[in-house]
Structure formats: structure tokens, C-alpha cells
Amino acid sequence: MSSGINTVIYHVADLDRAKALFGTFLGVEPSTDSSYYVGFEFDGQQIGLVPDAKERGFTGPVCFRDVPDIAAAHQALLAAGAESDEEPHDVGGGLMVSSVKDADGNVIGLRQLP
């Protein structure tokens, strides 16, 4: 089982098209296949597709990148035009996280390991 992100949800406009693409990408058939949710079990993770991108305005999932200096990386993204979503902070045991939003509202996550 993964100790990282165990569920990733993609909000899609065309569920059938996304299902075909993710089935090819992951190399597995859906474990759940309905008109409101398609889920794939892959290497201990659940990859889900929800057909509400147009209604909800979602542009994609949030991914976190490991960086050696979270404060510097956060500031660099702000200098590049991002808006702070969550300032760098310790979430326990020295693990630091932060996030910013790009001009389109997409959330970009940063993580610094202890």
C-alpha cells in the first residue's frame, strides 16, 4: 500500500473518453463503473473519474512536489506570479507543506521532508 496519496480524483467533462484514456494509461479495467463515477484500483491507489468538470470548473487534481527548501520554493512561485493558497507550515514531525494557485486557480502543492 502506498504511504503517499491513496486517492486521486480527476474531474472530467467526457466520462467515456476519460475512462478509455485512463484504462489505457493504467493498463487495468475499472473496478467501479457507473454514470457518476469510474474508479480504477492501481498499485494500492484509487484513481477516480467524476464527470463534473464543466459544472464545477475543476481543472485537475492537486499534486505535491518535494523540494529541499519550501520557503524558497514558495517565494519563487509567488515571484513567478502565483497567489499564496497556504503558507509553508509544519504539519507534524517536521513535514512542511504549502500551496499556491496559478492564474487559472489551479492549486500547486509543495512538500519538504523532515
C-alpha atoms as a PDB file:
ATOM      1  CA  MET A   1       0.000   0.000   0.000  1.00  0.00           C
ATOM      2  CA  SER A   2       1.229   3.467  -0.841  1.00  0.00           C
ATOM      3  CA  SER A   3       2.133   5.755   2.036  1.00  0.00           C
ATOM      4  CA  GLY A   4       1.519   8.777  -0.181  1.00  0.00           C
ATOM      5  CA  ILE A   5      -1.638   9.853  -1.936  1.00  0.00           C
ATOM      6  CA  ASN A   6      -4.058   6.922  -1.937  1.00  0.00           C
ATOM      7  CA  THR A   7      -6.882   8.541  -3.917  1.00  0.00           C
ATOM      8  CA  VAL A   8      -6.640  10.908  -6.839  1.00  0.00           C
ATOM      9  CA  ILE A   9      -9.843  12.285  -8.334  1.00  0.00           C
ATOM     10  CA  TYR A  10      -9.916  13.730 -11.821  1.00  0.00           C
ATOM     11  CA  HIS A  11     -12.958  15.856 -12.665  1.00  0.00           C
ATOM     12  CA  VAL A  12     -13.687  15.230 -16.340  1.00  0.00           C
ATOM     13  CA  ALA A  13     -16.051  16.559 -18.995  1.00  0.00           C
ATOM     14  CA  ASP A  14     -16.407  13.331 -21.027  1.00  0.00           C
ATOM     15  CA  LEU A  15     -16.513  10.259 -18.781  1.00  0.00           C
ATOM     16  CA  ASP A  16     -16.395   7.656 -21.578  1.00  0.00           C
ATOM     17  CA  ARG A  17     -13.409   9.302 -23.225  1.00  0.00           C
ATOM     18  CA  ALA A  18     -11.575   9.672 -19.902  1.00  0.00           C
ATOM     19  CA  LYS A  19     -12.363   6.050 -18.967  1.00  0.00           C
ATOM     20  CA  ALA A  20     -10.795   4.803 -22.202  1.00  0.00           C
ATOM     21  CA  LEU A  21      -7.740   7.012 -21.753  1.00  0.00           C
ATOM     22  CA  PHE A  22      -7.130   6.076 -18.097  1.00  0.00           C
ATOM     23  CA  GLY A  23      -7.755   2.380 -18.806  1.00  0.00           C
ATOM     24  CA  THR A  24      -5.029   2.512 -21.448  1.00  0.00           C
ATOM     25  CA  PHE A  25      -2.734   4.598 -19.245  1.00  0.00           C
ATOM     26  CA  LEU A  26      -3.099   2.364 -16.174  1.00  0.00           C
ATOM     27  CA  GLY A  27      -3.426  -0.921 -18.062  1.00  0.00           C
ATOM     28  CA  VAL A  28      -6.397  -2.096 -15.962  1.00  0.00           C
ATOM     29  CA  GLU A  29     -10.179  -2.237 -16.258  1.00  0.00           C
ATOM     30  CA  PRO A  30     -12.295  -0.087 -13.930  1.00  0.00           C
ATOM     31  CA  SER A  31     -13.153  -1.622 -10.547  1.00  0.00           C
ATOM     32  CA  THR A  32     -16.181   0.695 -10.344  1.00  0.00           C
ATOM     33  CA  ASP A  33     -18.007   1.762 -13.488  1.00  0.00           C
ATOM     34  CA  SER A  34     -21.125   3.905 -13.199  1.00  0.00           C
ATOM     35  CA  SER A  35     -22.519   7.016 -14.833  1.00  0.00           C
ATOM     36  CA  TYR A  36     -21.372   9.215 -11.923  1.00  0.00           C
ATOM     37  CA  TYR A  37     -18.014   7.618 -11.001  1.00  0.00           C
ATOM     38  CA  VAL A  38     -15.419   5.399 -12.636  1.00  0.00           C
ATOM     39  CA  GLY A  39     -12.696   4.076 -10.356  1.00  0.00           C
ATOM     40  CA  PHE A  40      -9.501   2.189 -11.065  1.00  0.00           C
ATOM     41  CA  GLU A  41      -7.507   0.268  -8.453  1.00  0.00           C
ATOM     42  CA  PHE A  42      -3.861   0.639  -9.374  1.00  0.00           C
ATOM     43  CA  ASP A  43      -0.839  -0.293  -7.266  1.00  0.00           C
ATOM     44  CA  GLY A  44      -2.623   0.397  -3.969  1.00  0.00           C
ATOM     45  CA  GLN A  45      -4.211   3.601  -5.181  1.00  0.00           C
ATOM     46  CA  GLN A  46      -7.709   4.562  -6.248  1.00  0.00           C
ATOM     47  CA  ILE A  47      -7.785   6.698  -9.369  1.00  0.00           C
ATOM     48  CA  GLY A  48     -11.275   8.133  -9.763  1.00  0.00           C
ATOM     49  CA  LEU A  49     -13.059   9.941 -12.576  1.00  0.00           C
ATOM     50  CA  VAL A  50     -16.057  12.176 -11.812  1.00  0.00           C
ATOM     51  CA  PRO A  51     -17.976  13.733 -14.729  1.00  0.00           C
ATOM     52  CA  ASP A  52     -18.497  17.217 -13.283  1.00  0.00           C
ATOM     53  CA  ALA A  53     -15.651  19.295 -14.713  1.00  0.00           C
ATOM     54  CA  LYS A  54     -17.924  21.642 -16.633  1.00  0.00           C
ATOM     55  CA  GLU A  55     -20.329  22.249 -13.727  1.00  0.00           C
ATOM     56  CA  ARG A  56     -17.707  22.580 -11.000  1.00  0.00           C
ATOM     57  CA  GLY A  57     -14.979  24.280 -13.015  1.00  0.00           C
ATOM     58  CA  PHE A  58     -12.221  21.932 -11.860  1.00  0.00           C
ATOM     59  CA  THR A  59      -9.055  21.850 -13.908  1.00  0.00           C
ATOM     60  CA  GLY A  60      -7.249  18.918 -12.317  1.00  0.00           C
ATOM     61  CA  PRO A  61      -6.038  17.200  -9.168  1.00  0.00           C
ATOM     62  CA  VAL A  62      -3.583  18.674  -6.694  1.00  0.00           C
ATOM     63  CA  CYS A  63      -0.088  17.221  -6.829  1.00  0.00           C
ATOM     64  CA  PHE A  64       2.678  17.854  -4.314  1.00  0.00           C
ATOM     65  CA  ARG A  65       6.339  18.209  -5.274  1.00  0.00           C
ATOM     66  CA  ASP A  66       9.145  17.534  -2.798  1.00  0.00           C
ATOM     67  CA  VAL A  67      11.563  20.454  -2.503  1.00  0.00           C
ATOM     68  CA  PRO A  68      14.686  20.923  -0.362  1.00  0.00           C
ATOM     69  CA  ASP A  69      13.720  24.456   0.803  1.00  0.00           C
ATOM     70  CA  ILE A  70       9.967  25.010   0.933  1.00  0.00           C
ATOM     71  CA  ALA A  71      10.171  28.689   1.903  1.00  0.00           C
ATOM     72  CA  ALA A  72      12.418  29.477  -1.067  1.00  0.00           C
ATOM     73  CA  ALA A  73      10.293  27.401  -3.461  1.00  0.00           C
ATOM     74  CA  HIS A  74       7.090  29.039  -2.212  1.00  0.00           C
ATOM     75  CA  GLN A  75       8.575  32.526  -2.648  1.00  0.00           C
ATOM     76  CA  ALA A  76       9.882  31.646  -6.109  1.00  0.00           C
ATOM     77  CA  LEU A  77       6.382  30.637  -7.205  1.00  0.00           C
ATOM     78  CA  LEU A  78       4.942  33.871  -5.795  1.00  0.00           C
ATOM     79  CA  ALA A  79       7.594  35.847  -7.684  1.00  0.00           C
ATOM     80  CA  ALA A  80       6.615  33.937 -10.830  1.00  0.00           C
ATOM     81  CA  GLY A  81       3.014  35.135 -10.486  1.00  0.00           C
ATOM     82  CA  ALA A  82       1.302  32.595  -8.222  1.00  0.00           C
ATOM     83  CA  GLU A  83      -1.043  33.550  -5.371  1.00  0.00           C
ATOM     84  CA  SER A  84      -0.453  32.023  -1.945  1.00  0.00           C
ATOM     85  CA  ASP A  85      -3.047  29.423  -1.024  1.00  0.00           C
ATOM     86  CA  GLU A  86      -1.370  28.057   2.107  1.00  0.00           C
ATOM     87  CA  GLU A  87       1.821  29.432   3.644  1.00  0.00           C
ATOM     88  CA  PRO A  88       4.590  26.933   4.496  1.00  0.00           C
ATOM     89  CA  HIS A  89       3.884  25.262   7.811  1.00  0.00           C
ATOM     90  CA  ASP A  90       4.757  22.149   9.796  1.00  0.00           C
ATOM     91  CA  VAL A  91       2.009  19.552   9.716  1.00  0.00           C
ATOM     92  CA  GLY A  92       3.763  17.325  12.225  1.00  0.00           C
ATOM     93  CA  GLY A  93       7.101  15.664  12.709  1.00  0.00           C
ATOM     94  CA  GLY A  94       8.897  18.325  10.729  1.00  0.00           C
ATOM     95  CA  LEU A  95       6.993  17.675   7.488  1.00  0.00           C
ATOM     96  CA  MET A  96       6.382  21.059   5.841  1.00  0.00           C
ATOM     97  CA  VAL A  97       3.682  21.774   3.254  1.00  0.00           C
ATOM     98  CA  SER A  98       2.432  24.788   1.353  1.00  0.00           C
ATOM     99  CA  SER A  99       0.421  25.522  -1.741  1.00  0.00           C
ATOM    100  CA  VAL A 100      -0.113  28.272  -4.266  1.00  0.00           C
ATOM    101  CA  LYS A 101      -2.651  28.930  -7.010  1.00  0.00           C
ATOM    102  CA  ASP A 102      -1.731  29.784 -10.548  1.00  0.00           C
ATOM    103  CA  ALA A 103      -3.542  32.457 -12.565  1.00  0.00           C
ATOM    104  CA  ASP A 104      -6.204  29.914 -13.564  1.00  0.00           C
ATOM    105  CA  GLY A 105      -6.914  28.818  -9.984  1.00  0.00           C
ATOM    106  CA  ASN A 106      -5.042  25.517 -10.191  1.00  0.00           C
ATOM    107  CA  VAL A 107      -3.539  24.510  -6.849  1.00  0.00           C
ATOM    108  CA  ILE A 108       0.157  23.569  -6.793  1.00  0.00           C
ATOM    109  CA  GLY A 109       1.458  21.809  -3.702  1.00  0.00           C
ATOM    110  CA  LEU A 110       4.922  21.816  -2.196  1.00  0.00           C
ATOM    111  CA  ARG A 111       6.315  19.456   0.427  1.00  0.00           C
ATOM    112  CA  GLN A 112       9.579  19.443   2.363  1.00  0.00           C
ATOM    113  CA  LEU A 113      10.529  16.238   4.134  1.00  0.00           C
ATOM    114  CA  PRO A 114      11.974  16.441   7.667  1.00  0.00           C
END
